[in-house]
Amino acid sequence: MGLTSLLPLVILFAVVGGAAYFGYQIYLWSNELADRGQKHMEKKNMTFTKDGGLKVGVKEMDAEEYADRTQR
């Protein structure tokens, strides 16, 4: 009688534990995905600002080359 009344509680803990593990794995995966995306954007000289904007950097170019490209 005592063991049969504890069976639903054990099943509940197993389901909640499985859901918590699954949620934690999704959390880890999403953080890894965000880090990879940020590194990929930084390679292209693009960064996100704290207020949500996008800042695009320009590769260094000397004045003569800049003048040549803009005059074309």
PDB file of N, CA and C in Angstrom:
ATOM      1  N   MET A   1       0.818  -1.182   0.000  1.00  0.00           N
ATOM      2  CA  MET A   1       0.000   0.000   0.000  1.00  0.00           C
ATOM      3  C   MET A   1       0.871   1.258   0.000  1.00  0.00           C
ATOM      4  N   GLY A   2       1.938   1.315   0.763  1.00  0.00           N
ATOM      5  CA  GLY A   2       2.789   2.487   0.846  1.00  0.00           C
ATOM      6  C   GLY A   2       3.586   2.710  -0.437  1.00  0.00           C
ATOM      7  N   LEU A   3       4.054   1.626  -1.045  1.00  0.00           N
ATOM      8  CA  LEU A   3       4.855   1.740  -2.266  1.00  0.00           C
ATOM      9  C   LEU A   3       4.010   2.166  -3.451  1.00  0.00           C
ATOM     10  N   THR A   4       2.793   1.697  -3.538  1.00  0.00           N
ATOM     11  CA  THR A   4       1.932   2.050  -4.669  1.00  0.00           C
ATOM     12  C   THR A   4       1.494   3.511  -4.606  1.00  0.00           C
ATOM     13  N   SER A   5       1.416   4.095  -3.424  1.00  0.00           N
ATOM     14  CA  SER A   5       1.015   5.502  -3.325  1.00  0.00           C
ATOM     15  C   SER A   5       2.177   6.438  -3.664  1.00  0.00           C
ATOM     16  N   LEU A   6       3.397   5.941  -3.602  1.00  0.00           N
ATOM     17  CA  LEU A   6       4.562   6.763  -3.959  1.00  0.00           C
ATOM     18  C   LEU A   6       4.894   6.707  -5.447  1.00  0.00           C
ATOM     19  N   LEU A   7       4.339   5.765  -6.156  1.00  0.00           N
ATOM     20  CA  LEU A   7       4.651   5.610  -7.581  1.00  0.00           C
ATOM     21  C   LEU A   7       4.309   6.850  -8.408  1.00  0.00           C
ATOM     22  N   PRO A   8       3.154   7.511  -8.251  1.00  0.00           N
ATOM     23  CA  PRO A   8       2.886   8.735  -9.021  1.00  0.00           C
ATOM     24  C   PRO A   8       3.878   9.862  -8.707  1.00  0.00           C
ATOM     25  N   LEU A   9       4.331   9.942  -7.462  1.00  0.00           N
ATOM     26  CA  LEU A   9       5.306  10.958  -7.081  1.00  0.00           C
ATOM     27  C   LEU A   9       6.655  10.699  -7.760  1.00  0.00           C
ATOM     28  N   VAL A  10       7.068   9.469  -7.823  1.00  0.00           N
ATOM     29  CA  VAL A  10       8.323   9.106  -8.492  1.00  0.00           C
ATOM     30  C   VAL A  10       8.228   9.414  -9.980  1.00  0.00           C
ATOM     31  N   ILE A  11       7.090   9.100 -10.580  1.00  0.00           N
ATOM     32  CA  ILE A  11       6.893   9.388 -12.003  1.00  0.00           C
ATOM     33  C   ILE A  11       6.915  10.895 -12.244  1.00  0.00           C
ATOM     34  N   LEU A  12       6.271  11.654 -11.367  1.00  0.00           N
ATOM     35  CA  LEU A  12       6.273  13.111 -11.489  1.00  0.00           C
ATOM     36  C   LEU A  12       7.696  13.658 -11.420  1.00  0.00           C
ATOM     37  N   PHE A  13       8.492  13.205 -10.455  1.00  0.00           N
ATOM     38  CA  PHE A  13       9.877  13.669 -10.337  1.00  0.00           C
ATOM     39  C   PHE A  13      10.702  13.298 -11.569  1.00  0.00           C
ATOM     40  N   ALA A  14      10.465  12.136 -12.128  1.00  0.00           N
ATOM     41  CA  ALA A  14      11.192  11.708 -13.324  1.00  0.00           C
ATOM     42  C   ALA A  14      10.841  12.599 -14.511  1.00  0.00           C
ATOM     43  N   VAL A  15       9.561  12.922 -14.675  1.00  0.00           N
ATOM     44  CA  VAL A  15       9.134  13.775 -15.784  1.00  0.00           C
ATOM     45  C   VAL A  15       9.674  15.191 -15.614  1.00  0.00           C
ATOM     46  N   VAL A  16       9.574  15.741 -14.404  1.00  0.00           N
ATOM     47  CA  VAL A  16      10.075  17.098 -14.145  1.00  0.00           C
ATOM     48  C   VAL A  16      11.590  17.140 -14.313  1.00  0.00           C
ATOM     49  N   GLY A  17      12.284  16.115 -13.845  1.00  0.00           N
ATOM     50  CA  GLY A  17      13.742  16.053 -14.012  1.00  0.00           C
ATOM     51  C   GLY A  17      14.141  15.967 -15.479  1.00  0.00           C
ATOM     52  N   GLY A  18      13.428  15.168 -16.250  1.00  0.00           N
ATOM     53  CA  GLY A  18      13.709  15.058 -17.682  1.00  0.00           C
ATOM     54  C   GLY A  18      13.460  16.371 -18.403  1.00  0.00           C
ATOM     55  N   ALA A  19      12.375  17.052 -18.051  1.00  0.00           N
ATOM     56  CA  ALA A  19      12.075  18.347 -18.673  1.00  0.00           C
ATOM     57  C   ALA A  19      13.116  19.386 -18.292  1.00  0.00           C
ATOM     58  N   ALA A  20      13.585  19.370 -17.048  1.00  0.00           N
ATOM     59  CA  ALA A  20      14.619  20.322 -16.605  1.00  0.00           C
ATOM     60  C   ALA A  20      15.929  20.072 -17.345  1.00  0.00           C
ATOM     61  N   TYR A  21      16.302  18.807 -17.506  1.00  0.00           N
ATOM     62  CA  TYR A  21      17.531  18.482 -18.237  1.00  0.00           C
ATOM     63  C   TYR A  21      17.425  18.932 -19.693  1.00  0.00           C
ATOM     64  N   PHE A  22      16.286  18.678 -20.314  1.00  0.00           N
ATOM     65  CA  PHE A  22      16.062  19.074 -21.705  1.00  0.00           C
ATOM     66  C   PHE A  22      16.120  20.598 -21.847  1.00  0.00           C
ATOM     67  N   GLY A  23      15.495  21.318 -20.925  1.00  0.00           N
ATOM     68  CA  GLY A  23      15.524  22.782 -20.956  1.00  0.00           C
ATOM     69  C   GLY A  23      16.924  23.330 -20.767  1.00  0.00           C
ATOM     70  N   TYR A  24      17.700  22.727 -19.878  1.00  0.00           N
ATOM     71  CA  TYR A  24      19.077  23.167 -19.649  1.00  0.00           C
ATOM     72  C   TYR A  24      19.936  22.943 -20.890  1.00  0.00           C
ATOM     73  N   GLN A  25      19.753  21.825 -21.568  1.00  0.00           N
ATOM     74  CA  GLN A  25      20.516  21.555 -22.782  1.00  0.00           C
ATOM     75  C   GLN A  25      20.163  22.554 -23.884  1.00  0.00           C
ATOM     76  N   ILE A  26      18.902  22.929 -24.005  1.00  0.00           N
ATOM     77  CA  ILE A  26      18.491  23.945 -24.982  1.00  0.00           C
ATOM     78  C   ILE A  26      19.119  25.295 -24.625  1.00  0.00           C
ATOM     79  N   TYR A  27      19.154  25.616 -23.333  1.00  0.00           N
ATOM     80  CA  TYR A  27      19.778  26.856 -22.872  1.00  0.00           C
ATOM     81  C   TYR A  27      21.263  26.892 -23.251  1.00  0.00           C
ATOM     82  N   LEU A  28      21.988  25.809 -23.011  1.00  0.00           N
ATOM     83  CA  LEU A  28      23.407  25.750 -23.366  1.00  0.00           C
ATOM     84  C   LEU A  28      23.600  25.876 -24.868  1.00  0.00           C
ATOM     85  N   TRP A  29      22.772  25.195 -25.645  1.00  0.00           N
ATOM     86  CA  TRP A  29      22.888  25.225 -27.094  1.00  0.00           C
ATOM     87  C   TRP A  29      22.622  26.620 -27.643  1.00  0.00           C
ATOM     88  N   SER A  30      21.610  27.305 -27.106  1.00  0.00           N
ATOM     89  CA  SER A  30      21.287  28.642 -27.600  1.00  0.00           C
ATOM     90  C   SER A  30      22.393  29.641 -27.270  1.00  0.00           C
ATOM     91  N   ASN A  31      23.023  29.499 -26.099  1.00  0.00           N
ATOM     92  CA  ASN A  31      24.144  30.380 -25.772  1.00  0.00           C
ATOM     93  C   ASN A  31      25.339  30.128 -26.691  1.00  0.00           C
ATOM     94  N   GLU A  32      25.606  28.873 -26.989  1.00  0.00           N
ATOM     95  CA  GLU A  32      26.704  28.542 -27.902  1.00  0.00           C
ATOM     96  C   GLU A  32      26.424  29.082 -29.302  1.00  0.00           C
ATOM     97  N   LEU A  33      25.185  28.966 -29.740  1.00  0.00           N
ATOM     98  CA  LEU A  33      24.799  29.467 -31.056  1.00  0.00           C
ATOM     99  C   LEU A  33      24.945  30.981 -31.130  1.00  0.00           C
ATOM    100  N   ALA A  34      24.566  31.682 -30.075  1.00  0.00           N
ATOM    101  CA  ALA A  34      24.693  33.134 -30.036  1.00  0.00           C
ATOM    102  C   ALA A  34      26.163  33.553 -30.063  1.00  0.00           C
ATOM    103  N   ASP A  35      27.013  32.832 -29.346  1.00  0.00           N
ATOM    104  CA  ASP A  35      28.446  33.151 -29.349  1.00  0.00           C
ATOM    105  C   ASP A  35      29.059  32.933 -30.726  1.00  0.00           C
ATOM    106  N   ARG A  36      28.672  31.840 -31.374  1.00  0.00           N
ATOM    107  CA  ARG A  36      29.195  31.584 -32.722  1.00  0.00           C
ATOM    108  C   ARG A  36      28.739  32.653 -33.700  1.00  0.00           C
ATOM    109  N   GLY A  37      27.496  33.079 -33.588  1.00  0.00           N
ATOM    110  CA  GLY A  37      26.983  34.136 -34.465  1.00  0.00           C
ATOM    111  C   GLY A  37      27.693  35.450 -34.236  1.00  0.00           C
ATOM    112  N   GLN A  38      27.962  35.766 -32.971  1.00  0.00           N
ATOM    113  CA  GLN A  38      28.658  37.017 -32.658  1.00  0.00           C
ATOM    114  C   GLN A  38      30.081  36.988 -33.202  1.00  0.00           C
ATOM    115  N   LYS A  39      30.774  35.869 -33.065  1.00  0.00           N
ATOM    116  CA  LYS A  39      32.140  35.765 -33.599  1.00  0.00           C
ATOM    117  C   LYS A  39      32.136  35.871 -35.118  1.00  0.00           C
ATOM    118  N   HIS A  40      31.135  35.289 -35.762  1.00  0.00           N
ATOM    119  CA  HIS A  40      31.039  35.350 -37.226  1.00  0.00           C
ATOM    120  C   HIS A  40      30.807  36.788 -37.678  1.00  0.00           C
ATOM    121  N   MET A  41      29.955  37.527 -36.953  1.00  0.00           N
ATOM    122  CA  MET A  41      29.696  38.919 -37.306  1.00  0.00           C
ATOM    123  C   MET A  41      30.934  39.786 -37.076  1.00  0.00           C
ATOM    124  N   GLU A  42      31.685  39.490 -36.010  1.00  0.00           N
ATOM    125  CA  GLU A  42      32.885  40.270 -35.730  1.00  0.00           C
ATOM    126  C   GLU A  42      33.937  40.068 -36.808  1.00  0.00           C
ATOM    127  N   LYS A  43      33.974  38.900 -37.420  1.00  0.00           N
ATOM    128  CA  LYS A  43      34.914  38.668 -38.511  1.00  0.00           C
ATOM    129  C   LYS A  43      34.596  39.561 -39.702  1.00  0.00           C
ATOM    130  N   LYS A  44      33.339  39.927 -39.847  1.00  0.00           N
ATOM    131  CA  LYS A  44      32.916  40.792 -40.947  1.00  0.00           C
ATOM    132  C   LYS A  44      32.841  42.255 -40.511  1.00  0.00           C
ATOM    133  N   ASN A  45      33.483  42.586 -39.363  1.00  0.00           N
ATOM    134  CA  ASN A  45      33.530  43.951 -38.821  1.00  0.00           C
ATOM    135  C   ASN A  45      32.145  44.491 -38.504  1.00  0.00           C
ATOM    136  N   MET A  46      31.259  43.654 -38.002  1.00  0.00           N
ATOM    137  CA  MET A  46      29.914  44.079 -37.617  1.00  0.00           C
ATOM    138  C   MET A  46      29.717  43.721 -36.143  1.00  0.00           C
ATOM    139  N   THR A  47      29.236  44.685 -35.355  1.00  0.00           N
ATOM    140  CA  THR A  47      28.982  44.437 -33.940  1.00  0.00           C
ATOM    141  C   THR A  47      27.623  45.010 -33.570  1.00  0.00           C
ATOM    142  N   PHE A  48      27.007  44.410 -32.570  1.00  0.00           N
ATOM    143  CA  PHE A  48      25.748  44.910 -32.044  1.00  0.00           C
ATOM    144  C   PHE A  48      26.041  45.806 -30.851  1.00  0.00           C
ATOM    145  N   THR A  49      25.392  46.959 -30.804  1.00  0.00           N
ATOM    146  CA  THR A  49      25.566  47.868 -29.679  1.00  0.00           C
ATOM    147  C   THR A  49      24.651  47.435 -28.535  1.00  0.00           C
ATOM    148  N   LYS A  50      24.849  48.051 -27.360  1.00  0.00           N
ATOM    149  CA  LYS A  50      24.061  47.664 -26.193  1.00  0.00           C
ATOM    150  C   LYS A  50      22.590  48.020 -26.352  1.00  0.00           C
ATOM    151  N   ASP A  51      22.275  49.052 -27.135  1.00  0.00           N
ATOM    152  CA  ASP A  51      20.878  49.444 -27.314  1.00  0.00           C
ATOM    153  C   ASP A  51      20.206  48.701 -28.471  1.00  0.00           C
ATOM    154  N   GLY A  52      20.882  47.719 -29.059  1.00  0.00           N
ATOM    155  CA  GLY A  52      20.264  46.889 -30.084  1.00  0.00           C
ATOM    156  C   GLY A  52      20.586  47.291 -31.507  1.00  0.00           C
ATOM    157  N   GLY A  53      21.403  48.323 -31.694  1.00  0.00           N
ATOM    158  CA  GLY A  53      21.759  48.763 -33.043  1.00  0.00           C
ATOM    159  C   GLY A  53      22.883  47.921 -33.627  1.00  0.00           C
ATOM    160  N   LEU A  54      23.127  48.119 -34.887  1.00  0.00           N
ATOM    161  CA  LEU A  54      24.190  47.401 -35.583  1.00  0.00           C
ATOM    162  C   LEU A  54      25.236  48.401 -36.027  1.00  0.00           C
ATOM    163  N   LYS A  55      26.486  48.169 -35.627  1.00  0.00           N
ATOM    164  CA  LYS A  55      27.584  49.057 -35.988  1.00  0.00           C
ATOM    165  C   LYS A  55      28.476  48.312 -36.975  1.00  0.00           C
ATOM    166  N   VAL A  56      28.681  48.910 -38.134  1.00  0.00           N
ATOM    167  CA  VAL A  56      29.484  48.286 -39.171  1.00  0.00           C
ATOM    168  C   VAL A  56      30.812  49.015 -39.248  1.00  0.00           C
ATOM    169  N   GLY A  57      31.888  48.285 -39.073  1.00  0.00           N
ATOM    170  CA  GLY A  57      33.214  48.871 -39.154  1.00  0.00           C
ATOM    171  C   GLY A  57      33.721  48.833 -40.579  1.00  0.00           C
ATOM    172  N   VAL A  58      34.638  49.726 -40.875  1.00  0.00           N
ATOM    173  CA  VAL A  58      35.233  49.794 -42.207  1.00  0.00           C
ATOM    174  C   VAL A  58      36.691  49.391 -42.078  1.00  0.00           C
ATOM    175  N   LYS A  59      37.135  48.532 -42.976  1.00  0.00           N
ATOM    176  CA  LYS A  59      38.538  48.147 -42.949  1.00  0.00           C
ATOM    177  C   LYS A  59      39.390  49.362 -43.243  1.00  0.00           C
ATOM    178  N   GLU A  60      40.560  49.356 -42.657  1.00  0.00           N
ATOM    179  CA  GLU A  60      41.435  50.513 -42.793  1.00  0.00           C
ATOM    180  C   GLU A  60      41.854  50.711 -44.248  1.00  0.00           C
ATOM    181  N   MET A  61      41.797  51.973 -44.667  1.00  0.00           N
ATOM    182  CA  MET A  61      42.115  52.309 -46.042  1.00  0.00           C
ATOM    183  C   MET A  61      42.815  53.668 -46.009  1.00  0.00           C
ATOM    184  N   ASP A  62      43.917  53.799 -46.723  1.00  0.00           N
ATOM    185  CA  ASP A  62      44.603  55.086 -46.691  1.00  0.00           C
ATOM    186  C   ASP A  62      43.858  56.117 -47.548  1.00  0.00           C
ATOM    187  N   ALA A  63      44.200  57.372 -47.379  1.00  0.00           N
ATOM    188  CA  ALA A  63      43.462  58.470 -48.014  1.00  0.00           C
ATOM    189  C   ALA A  63      43.531  58.400 -49.539  1.00  0.00           C
ATOM    190  N   GLU A  64      44.666  58.010 -50.078  1.00  0.00           N
ATOM    191  CA  GLU A  64      44.819  57.961 -51.541  1.00  0.00           C
ATOM    192  C   GLU A  64      43.917  56.888 -52.142  1.00  0.00           C
ATOM    193  N   GLU A  65      43.884  55.724 -51.516  1.00  0.00           N
ATOM    194  CA  GLU A  65      43.038  54.649 -52.022  1.00  0.00           C
ATOM    195  C   GLU A  65      41.565  55.027 -51.894  1.00  0.00           C
ATOM    196  N   TYR A  66      41.193  55.692 -50.814  1.00  0.00           N
ATOM    197  CA  TYR A  66      39.815  56.139 -50.620  1.00  0.00           C
ATOM    198  C   TYR A  66      39.426  57.127 -51.713  1.00  0.00           C
ATOM    199  N   ALA A  67      40.319  58.063 -52.036  1.00  0.00           N
ATOM    200  CA  ALA A  67      40.035  59.060 -53.067  1.00  0.00           C
ATOM    201  C   ALA A  67      39.894  58.375 -54.430  1.00  0.00           C
ATOM    202  N   ASP A  68      40.752  57.409 -54.712  1.00  0.00           N
ATOM    203  CA  ASP A  68      40.673  56.691 -55.989  1.00  0.00           C
ATOM    204  C   ASP A  68      39.341  55.940 -56.129  1.00  0.00           C
ATOM    205  N   ARG A  69      38.900  55.310 -55.077  1.00  0.00           N
ATOM    206  CA  ARG A  69      37.651  54.523 -55.150  1.00  0.00           C
ATOM    207  C   ARG A  69      36.426  55.424 -55.252  1.00  0.00           C
ATOM    208  N   THR A  70      36.447  56.572 -54.586  1.00  0.00           N
ATOM    209  CA  THR A  70      35.270  57.438 -54.614  1.00  0.00           C
ATOM    210  C   THR A  70      35.176  58.260 -55.894  1.00  0.00           C
ATOM    211  N   GLN A  71      36.259  58.403 -56.625  1.00  0.00           N
ATOM    212  CA  GLN A  71      36.221  59.199 -57.854  1.00  0.00           C
ATOM    213  C   GLN A  71      35.738  58.384 -59.034  1.00  0.00           C
ATOM    214  N   ARG A  72      35.703  57.091 -58.887  1.00  0.00           N
ATOM    215  CA  ARG A  72      35.289  56.251 -60.018  1.00  0.00           C
ATOM    216  C   ARG A  72      33.811  56.343 -60.258  1.00  0.00           C
TER     217      ARG A  72
END
